[in-house]
Amino acid sequence: MSSSEGRIPLSVPSIGGNAAAYLQECLDTNFVSSVGPFVERFEREFAAAVGARHAVACASGTAALHLAFLVLDVGPGDDVLVADLTFVASVNPIVYVGARPILVDAEPTTYDMDPTVVVAELDRRAAAGVRQPAAIEIVHLVGHPADIEPVMGAADRYGVPVVEDASEALGATYTEGAFAGRQVGTLGRIAAFSFNGNKLITTGGGGMVVTDDEALARRARHLSTQARLPGLAYDHDEVGYNYRLSNLAAALGVAQLEELDRLLGARRAIAARYDAAIATIAGLVPAPRAPWADPTFWLYTAALETPDRGRRDRIIAGLADAGIEARPIWRPIHGTLRYADAARLGGPVAERIFDAALCLPSSSSLTGSEQDRVTDALRAVVAGAAS
């Protein structure tokens, strides 16, 4: 199958509003580096938007996670529980600080970390007198909130801090339970967001540390600026990092944040149209949606009813022939060359999801006609890939 129409990408920025004006203001005032008024404004307005007390802008979501583990004093000899089904950037910062990632299997309702496995591991360690993990990193995958309430209860019981990787889920909200009305990234001790070019909002590349703990925010900001102490002469009290966000990037972030409600509405409308179309395609199931969550569908992820990696790949190839970009969901971390020998908890759920799930074009600017083209092509290639 081939197409003379334009290619439909997986996820591209939707930049408008005041972006050009704010960037021009940076150029006119010569505030282009990490010193400039838009950095502080972006931090303040982002914290308010997600419902947190403090936010620290930094160079990437990966940098934000690295800072989170540093300020929690996670280090060599420590264990960190983390989702197996995630992008590798969720796991690498654990290794940056010398700790050991322990990969936790997914659960099929949300594709996120299985909370029953986490609770069982904390209980097991307590009963055996084994040291608890230094942290639990919960990843909110492709825009769906993780089932965090059981994890938070066990973590509080055993004094284990929770780090949220909300890089893919800005704006996702809990609608029921103890955290009803709360957004992802505001429940754990500290959280990280990403503003990479393919995310819901972008600064071209950037991230944010979010926390309600003033001391953690202060230390994260200190470490992100090479651990420089106040004073005219340069002095530093520990190893720091060049992790600050530029004023140019922050200006774009402020403009994007002003568009957040529109962008969220677009993604949820796209998801509703996909849900309706996929309900008519035999052998496919729509993206996960728990009754207690309002996801953002950063990447709309449909799945084969019966996991079949070969068939999934044939479907993706058929869509590519039609000029439509799709991809598998993240490869489980234990399936990567770097982490093949990592410790694991749970069963094969993450592998089954990987064998079944594919991410579809989800840009906020995706038009109705473009989405019709995606679903028409999907219907054809799913039928053709059955053999």
Protein backbone atom coordinates (compact mmCIF):
# COMPACT_ATOMS: atom_id res chain seq x y z
CA MET A 1 0.00 0.00 0.00
CA SER A 2 1.38 3.42 -0.88
CA SER A 3 0.17 6.96 -0.52
CA SER A 4 0.75 10.17 -2.43
CA GLU A 5 -0.68 12.16 0.49
CA GLY A 6 1.54 13.84 3.05
CA ARG A 7 3.05 11.77 5.84
CA ILE A 8 1.17 11.78 9.14
CA PRO A 9 3.71 11.85 12.00
CA LEU A 10 3.32 10.27 15.41
CA SER A 11 3.46 13.40 17.57
CA VAL A 12 4.63 16.88 16.63
CA PRO A 13 4.51 20.21 18.48
CA SER A 14 1.54 22.54 18.20
CA ILE A 15 3.08 25.98 18.67
CA GLY A 16 1.04 29.16 18.50
CA GLY A 17 -0.41 31.77 20.81
CA ASN A 18 2.23 34.08 22.27
CA ALA A 19 5.25 31.92 21.38
CA ALA A 20 6.67 34.22 18.71
CA ALA A 21 6.11 37.35 20.81
CA TYR A 22 7.76 35.87 23.91
CA LEU A 23 10.75 34.58 21.95
CA GLN A 24 11.15 37.99 20.31
CA GLU A 25 11.09 39.59 23.76
CA CYS A 26 14.05 37.39 24.74
CA LEU A 27 15.96 38.49 21.66
CA ASP A 28 15.08 42.15 22.15
CA THR A 29 16.22 42.13 25.79
CA ASN A 30 19.23 39.85 25.16
CA PHE A 31 18.04 37.42 27.87
CA VAL A 32 18.69 34.18 26.05
CA SER A 33 20.63 32.06 28.59
CA SER A 34 19.48 30.55 31.87
CA VAL A 35 19.34 34.03 33.41
CA GLY A 36 16.11 35.75 32.46
CA PRO A 37 12.58 36.49 33.65
CA PHE A 38 10.85 33.74 31.69
CA VAL A 39 12.61 30.97 33.65
CA GLU A 40 11.15 32.05 36.98
CA ARG A 41 7.78 32.76 35.36
CA PHE A 42 7.66 29.31 33.76
CA GLU A 43 8.48 27.66 37.08
CA ARG A 44 5.85 29.65 38.96
CA GLU A 45 3.10 29.15 36.40
CA PHE A 46 3.88 25.46 35.86
CA ALA A 47 3.68 24.75 39.59
CA ALA A 48 0.31 26.49 39.71
CA ALA A 49 -0.93 24.60 36.65
CA VAL A 50 -0.25 21.16 38.12
CA GLY A 51 -1.09 22.06 41.72
CA ALA A 52 2.35 21.92 43.33
CA ARG A 53 4.18 24.37 45.58
CA HIS A 54 7.56 24.39 43.83
CA ALA A 55 8.94 23.79 40.35
CA VAL A 56 12.54 23.89 39.11
CA ALA A 57 13.10 24.17 35.36
CA CYS A 58 15.94 22.13 33.92
CA ALA A 59 17.46 20.91 30.68
CA SER A 60 15.46 17.72 30.16
CA GLY A 61 13.11 15.26 31.81
CA THR A 62 16.09 12.96 32.30
CA ALA A 63 17.95 15.74 34.12
CA ALA A 64 14.87 16.29 36.28
CA LEU A 65 14.85 12.63 37.32
CA HIS A 66 18.59 12.72 38.00
CA LEU A 67 18.10 15.74 40.26
CA ALA A 68 15.19 14.00 42.00
CA PHE A 69 17.34 11.02 42.99
CA LEU A 70 20.24 13.26 43.98
CA VAL A 71 18.17 15.39 46.35
CA LEU A 72 16.64 12.25 47.90
CA ASP A 73 20.22 11.06 48.56
CA VAL A 74 19.74 7.86 46.59
CA GLY A 75 23.18 6.41 45.88
CA PRO A 76 25.49 3.42 45.65
CA GLY A 77 24.17 0.28 47.31
CA ASP A 78 20.54 1.46 47.12
CA ASP A 79 17.69 -0.26 45.30
CA VAL A 80 15.03 1.65 43.36
CA LEU A 81 11.81 0.00 42.19
CA VAL A 82 10.88 1.24 38.71
CA ALA A 83 8.49 0.25 35.93
CA ASP A 84 9.75 -2.36 33.49
CA LEU A 85 7.48 -1.03 30.73
CA THR A 86 8.87 2.46 30.14
CA PHE A 87 11.38 4.48 28.14
CA VAL A 88 14.97 3.90 29.16
CA ALA A 89 15.29 7.50 30.40
CA SER A 90 13.19 6.48 33.41
CA VAL A 91 15.87 3.99 34.44
CA ASN A 92 19.20 5.54 33.44
CA PRO A 93 19.16 8.24 36.18
CA ILE A 94 18.98 5.48 38.80
CA VAL A 95 22.27 4.19 37.45
CA TYR A 96 23.69 7.73 37.23
CA VAL A 97 23.58 7.91 41.04
CA GLY A 98 25.04 4.42 41.44
CA ALA A 99 21.83 2.73 42.60
CA ARG A 100 20.35 -0.54 41.30
CA PRO A 101 17.09 -0.51 39.31
CA ILE A 102 14.66 -3.31 40.13
CA LEU A 103 12.17 -3.65 37.29
CA VAL A 104 8.51 -4.09 38.24
CA ASP A 105 6.08 -5.74 35.85
CA ALA A 106 3.14 -3.87 34.32
CA GLU A 107 -0.56 -4.51 34.83
CA PRO A 108 -2.96 -4.72 31.87
CA THR A 109 -5.57 -2.16 32.97
CA THR A 110 -3.31 0.88 32.64
CA TYR A 111 0.00 -0.52 31.24
CA ASP A 112 1.65 1.07 34.29
CA MET A 113 3.58 -0.52 37.16
CA ASP A 114 1.62 -3.25 38.96
CA PRO A 115 0.93 -1.90 42.47
CA THR A 116 0.30 -5.37 43.92
CA VAL A 117 3.86 -6.38 43.03
CA VAL A 118 5.27 -3.25 44.70
CA VAL A 119 3.25 -3.71 47.89
CA ALA A 120 4.16 -7.40 48.08
CA GLU A 121 7.87 -6.58 47.72
CA LEU A 122 7.80 -3.96 50.49
CA ASP A 123 5.90 -6.35 52.77
CA ARG A 124 8.34 -9.17 51.95
CA ARG A 125 11.35 -7.00 52.79
CA ALA A 126 9.78 -5.88 56.05
CA ALA A 127 8.99 -9.47 57.11
CA ALA A 128 12.50 -10.67 56.19
CA GLY A 129 14.27 -7.75 57.82
CA VAL A 130 15.70 -6.70 54.45
CA ARG A 131 16.47 -3.03 53.81
CA GLN A 132 13.70 -1.26 51.92
CA PRO A 133 14.31 0.38 48.53
CA ALA A 134 15.68 3.91 48.67
CA ALA A 135 12.85 5.03 46.39
CA ILE A 136 9.97 3.87 44.23
CA GLU A 137 9.75 5.46 40.80
CA ILE A 138 6.24 5.42 39.38
CA VAL A 139 5.95 6.10 35.65
CA HIS A 140 2.67 7.39 34.22
CA LEU A 141 2.96 5.74 30.81
CA VAL A 142 1.80 7.39 27.55
CA GLY A 143 -0.52 9.73 29.43
CA HIS A 144 -2.38 7.34 31.75
CA PRO A 145 -2.10 7.80 35.53
CA ALA A 146 -0.63 4.84 37.38
CA ASP A 147 -2.64 3.09 40.08
CA ILE A 148 -0.72 4.96 42.74
CA GLU A 149 -2.96 4.77 45.82
CA PRO A 150 -1.87 1.28 47.01
CA VAL A 151 1.78 2.17 46.39
CA MET A 152 1.53 5.41 48.34
CA GLY A 153 -0.05 3.58 51.28
CA ALA A 154 2.73 0.99 51.44
CA ALA A 155 5.43 3.58 50.82
CA ASP A 156 4.17 5.70 53.70
CA ARG A 157 4.01 2.64 55.95
CA TYR A 158 7.66 1.80 55.33
CA GLY A 159 9.07 5.31 54.88
CA VAL A 160 10.02 4.90 51.22
CA PRO A 161 9.89 8.10 49.09
CA VAL A 162 7.94 7.97 45.84
CA VAL A 163 9.32 9.64 42.72
CA GLU A 164 6.84 10.25 39.90
CA ASP A 165 8.01 10.19 36.30
CA ALA A 166 5.21 12.24 34.78
CA SER A 167 7.16 12.98 31.59
CA GLU A 168 4.44 11.52 29.37
CA ALA A 169 1.37 12.53 31.34
CA LEU A 170 1.14 16.28 31.96
CA GLY A 171 -2.46 17.10 32.84
CA ALA A 172 -3.56 13.53 33.60
CA THR A 173 -5.85 13.50 36.63
CA TYR A 174 -7.31 11.11 39.19
CA THR A 175 -11.11 11.24 39.26
CA GLU A 176 -11.88 8.84 42.13
CA GLY A 177 -10.36 7.65 45.37
CA ALA A 178 -8.16 9.39 47.91
CA PHE A 179 -6.48 11.50 45.20
CA ALA A 180 -9.58 12.55 43.26
CA GLY A 181 -9.00 15.89 41.56
CA ARG A 182 -5.21 15.65 41.86
CA GLN A 183 -2.88 15.65 38.86
CA VAL A 184 -0.03 13.26 38.29
CA GLY A 185 3.28 14.60 39.53
CA THR A 186 1.82 16.02 42.75
CA LEU A 187 1.39 12.88 44.86
CA GLY A 188 4.91 11.60 45.46
CA ARG A 189 7.73 13.30 47.31
CA ILE A 190 9.11 14.69 44.05
CA ALA A 191 8.32 14.40 40.33
CA ALA A 192 9.78 14.99 36.89
CA PHE A 193 8.15 16.28 33.70
CA SER A 194 9.53 16.46 30.16
CA PHE A 195 9.11 19.11 27.45
CA ASN A 196 10.80 17.24 24.62
CA GLY A 197 9.70 18.17 21.11
CA ASN A 198 7.15 15.35 20.90
CA LYS A 199 5.50 15.97 24.27
CA LEU A 200 2.13 17.60 24.93
CA ILE A 201 3.84 20.94 25.52
CA THR A 202 7.41 21.59 24.46
CA THR A 203 10.29 23.92 25.12
CA GLY A 204 12.24 22.28 22.32
CA GLY A 205 13.93 20.18 25.00
CA GLY A 206 13.58 20.68 28.72
CA GLY A 207 12.14 19.36 31.94
CA MET A 208 10.78 20.32 35.33
CA VAL A 209 11.29 19.10 38.87
CA VAL A 210 8.11 19.46 40.92
CA THR A 211 7.72 19.06 44.67
CA ASP A 212 5.87 20.42 47.67
CA ASP A 213 9.06 20.19 49.73
CA GLU A 214 10.84 23.55 49.79
CA ALA A 215 14.16 22.04 50.91
CA LEU A 216 14.17 19.55 48.02
CA ALA A 217 13.33 22.29 45.52
CA ARG A 218 16.08 24.54 46.89
CA ARG A 219 18.69 21.77 46.62
CA ALA A 220 17.53 20.75 43.13
CA ARG A 221 17.92 24.35 41.97
CA HIS A 222 21.36 24.55 43.59
CA LEU A 223 22.58 21.36 41.93
CA SER A 224 21.16 22.41 38.56
CA THR A 225 23.37 25.53 38.57
CA GLN A 226 26.73 23.82 39.16
CA ALA A 227 26.15 23.99 42.94
CA ARG A 228 27.33 27.61 42.87
CA LEU A 229 27.20 29.47 46.15
CA PRO A 230 26.04 33.10 46.44
CA GLY A 231 28.73 35.74 46.17
CA LEU A 232 30.75 37.67 43.65
CA ALA A 233 33.52 35.09 43.33
CA TYR A 234 32.59 31.67 42.06
CA ASP A 235 32.55 29.00 44.75
CA HIS A 236 30.89 25.57 44.87
CA ASP A 237 30.16 23.28 47.81
CA GLU A 238 29.49 19.99 45.96
CA VAL A 239 29.46 18.47 42.49
CA GLY A 240 26.80 20.29 40.49
CA TYR A 241 25.40 20.10 36.98
CA ASN A 242 24.70 22.43 34.09
CA TYR A 243 21.02 21.53 34.05
CA ARG A 244 19.28 24.92 33.93
CA LEU A 245 16.74 25.74 31.25
CA SER A 246 17.45 28.73 29.02
CA ASN A 247 15.29 31.84 29.06
CA LEU A 248 14.50 31.22 25.36
CA ALA A 249 13.22 27.74 26.11
CA ALA A 250 11.28 28.97 29.14
CA ALA A 251 9.63 31.67 27.03
CA LEU A 252 8.35 28.98 24.69
CA GLY A 253 7.25 26.97 27.72
CA VAL A 254 5.21 29.87 29.10
CA ALA A 255 3.46 30.29 25.75
CA GLN A 256 2.81 26.54 25.53
CA LEU A 257 1.45 26.48 29.07
CA GLU A 258 -1.07 29.15 28.08
CA GLU A 259 -2.28 26.70 25.40
CA LEU A 260 -2.43 23.68 27.72
CA ASP A 261 -6.20 23.41 28.05
CA ARG A 262 -6.62 23.55 24.27
CA LEU A 263 -3.92 20.94 23.72
CA LEU A 264 -5.38 18.61 26.35
CA GLY A 265 -8.85 18.99 24.85
CA ALA A 266 -7.52 18.14 21.40
CA ARG A 267 -5.78 14.95 22.61
CA ARG A 268 -8.85 13.76 24.45
CA ALA A 269 -11.07 14.44 21.42
CA ILE A 270 -8.63 12.51 19.22
CA ALA A 271 -8.75 9.62 21.70
CA ALA A 272 -12.56 9.57 21.66
CA ARG A 273 -12.56 9.35 17.85
CA TYR A 274 -10.00 6.54 17.92
CA ASP A 275 -12.07 4.70 20.54
CA ALA A 276 -15.15 4.82 18.31
CA ALA A 277 -13.27 3.70 15.19
CA ILE A 278 -11.29 0.92 16.85
CA ALA A 279 -14.49 -0.50 18.30
CA THR A 280 -15.38 -1.41 14.70
CA ILE A 281 -12.03 -3.08 13.85
CA ALA A 282 -12.03 -6.77 14.69
CA GLY A 283 -9.03 -7.92 16.68
CA LEU A 284 -8.10 -4.51 18.11
CA VAL A 285 -8.81 -3.01 21.52
CA PRO A 286 -8.64 0.71 22.34
CA ALA A 287 -6.17 2.50 24.58
CA PRO A 288 -6.41 1.68 28.31
CA ARG A 289 -8.63 3.87 30.42
CA ALA A 290 -9.25 3.08 34.07
CA PRO A 291 -12.57 4.31 35.53
CA TRP A 292 -10.71 6.30 38.20
CA ALA A 293 -8.54 8.27 35.78
CA ASP A 294 -8.74 11.02 33.18
CA PRO A 295 -5.77 10.27 30.88
CA THR A 296 -4.24 12.72 28.43
CA PHE A 297 -3.41 10.22 25.66
CA TRP A 298 -0.01 11.70 24.88
CA LEU A 299 0.33 8.75 22.52
CA TYR A 300 -2.89 6.92 21.77
CA THR A 301 -2.03 3.24 22.15
CA ALA A 302 -4.25 0.54 20.70
CA ALA A 303 -3.51 -3.17 21.04
CA LEU A 304 -4.16 -6.51 19.40
CA GLU A 305 -6.63 -8.64 21.33
CA THR A 306 -4.16 -11.50 21.04
CA PRO A 307 -0.51 -10.46 21.48
CA ASP A 308 1.48 -11.19 18.33
CA ARG A 309 4.68 -9.24 17.81
CA GLY A 310 5.04 -10.27 14.18
CA ARG A 311 1.51 -9.18 13.34
CA ARG A 312 1.96 -5.93 15.24
CA ASP A 313 5.07 -5.19 13.20
CA ARG A 314 3.26 -5.98 9.94
CA ILE A 315 0.54 -3.51 10.89
CA ILE A 316 3.12 -0.80 11.64
CA ALA A 317 4.85 -1.52 8.32
CA GLY A 318 1.54 -1.34 6.46
CA LEU A 319 0.76 2.01 8.04
CA ALA A 320 4.22 3.26 7.07
CA ASP A 321 3.51 2.26 3.46
CA ALA A 322 0.39 4.43 3.70
CA GLY A 323 2.46 7.40 4.90
CA ILE A 324 1.41 7.03 8.54
CA GLU A 325 3.91 6.86 11.39
CA ALA A 326 3.18 4.35 14.15
CA ARG A 327 5.47 2.51 16.55
CA PRO A 328 5.41 -0.22 19.17
CA ILE A 329 4.92 0.82 22.76
CA TRP A 330 8.20 0.97 24.69
CA ARG A 331 10.24 -2.21 24.75
CA PRO A 332 10.33 -3.50 28.35
CA ILE A 333 13.58 -2.44 29.95
CA HIS A 334 14.59 -6.03 30.65
CA GLY A 335 14.46 -6.60 26.88
CA THR A 336 17.14 -3.99 26.19
CA LEU A 337 20.78 -4.96 25.80
CA ARG A 338 21.90 -2.71 28.66
CA TYR A 339 19.43 -3.98 31.24
CA ALA A 340 18.97 -7.61 30.19
CA ASP A 341 20.40 -8.79 33.51
CA ALA A 342 18.53 -6.32 35.73
CA ALA A 343 16.60 -7.64 38.71
CA ARG A 344 12.89 -8.11 37.99
CA LEU A 345 9.69 -8.51 39.96
CA GLY A 346 6.44 -9.92 38.57
CA GLY A 347 5.54 -11.84 35.47
CA PRO A 348 5.28 -11.49 31.68
CA VAL A 349 2.60 -8.78 31.46
CA ALA A 350 4.97 -6.10 30.15
CA GLU A 351 6.15 -8.47 27.42
CA ARG A 352 2.57 -9.27 26.39
CA ILE A 353 1.71 -5.57 26.19
CA PHE A 354 4.82 -4.94 24.09
CA ASP A 355 3.84 -7.77 21.73
CA ALA A 356 0.35 -6.33 21.29
CA ALA A 357 0.40 -2.53 21.55
CA LEU A 358 1.12 0.13 18.97
CA CYS A 359 1.08 3.92 19.26
CA LEU A 360 -0.91 5.88 16.67
CA PRO A 361 -0.58 9.48 15.45
CA SER A 362 -1.67 11.69 18.32
CA SER A 363 -0.54 15.24 17.56
CA SER A 364 -2.86 17.88 18.99
CA SER A 365 -3.02 19.33 15.47
CA LEU A 366 -4.23 16.06 13.92
CA THR A 367 -7.27 16.92 11.79
CA GLY A 368 -10.43 14.87 11.49
CA SER A 369 -9.65 13.98 7.88
CA GLU A 370 -6.13 12.91 8.80
CA GLN A 371 -7.48 10.74 11.59
CA ASP A 372 -9.99 9.18 9.19
CA ARG A 373 -7.07 8.36 6.94
CA VAL A 374 -5.27 6.71 9.87
CA THR A 375 -8.24 4.61 10.91
CA ASP A 376 -9.12 3.63 7.32
CA ALA A 377 -5.54 2.48 6.77
CA LEU A 378 -5.51 0.74 10.13
CA ARG A 379 -8.66 -1.18 9.29
CA ALA A 380 -7.16 -2.35 6.01
CA VAL A 381 -3.74 -3.34 7.35
CA VAL A 382 -5.15 -5.12 10.41
CA ALA A 383 -7.21 -7.31 8.11
CA GLY A 384 -4.25 -7.87 5.79
CA ALA A 385 -1.83 -8.63 8.63
CA ALA A 386 -3.94 -11.48 9.96
CA SER A 387 -2.17 -14.03 7.78
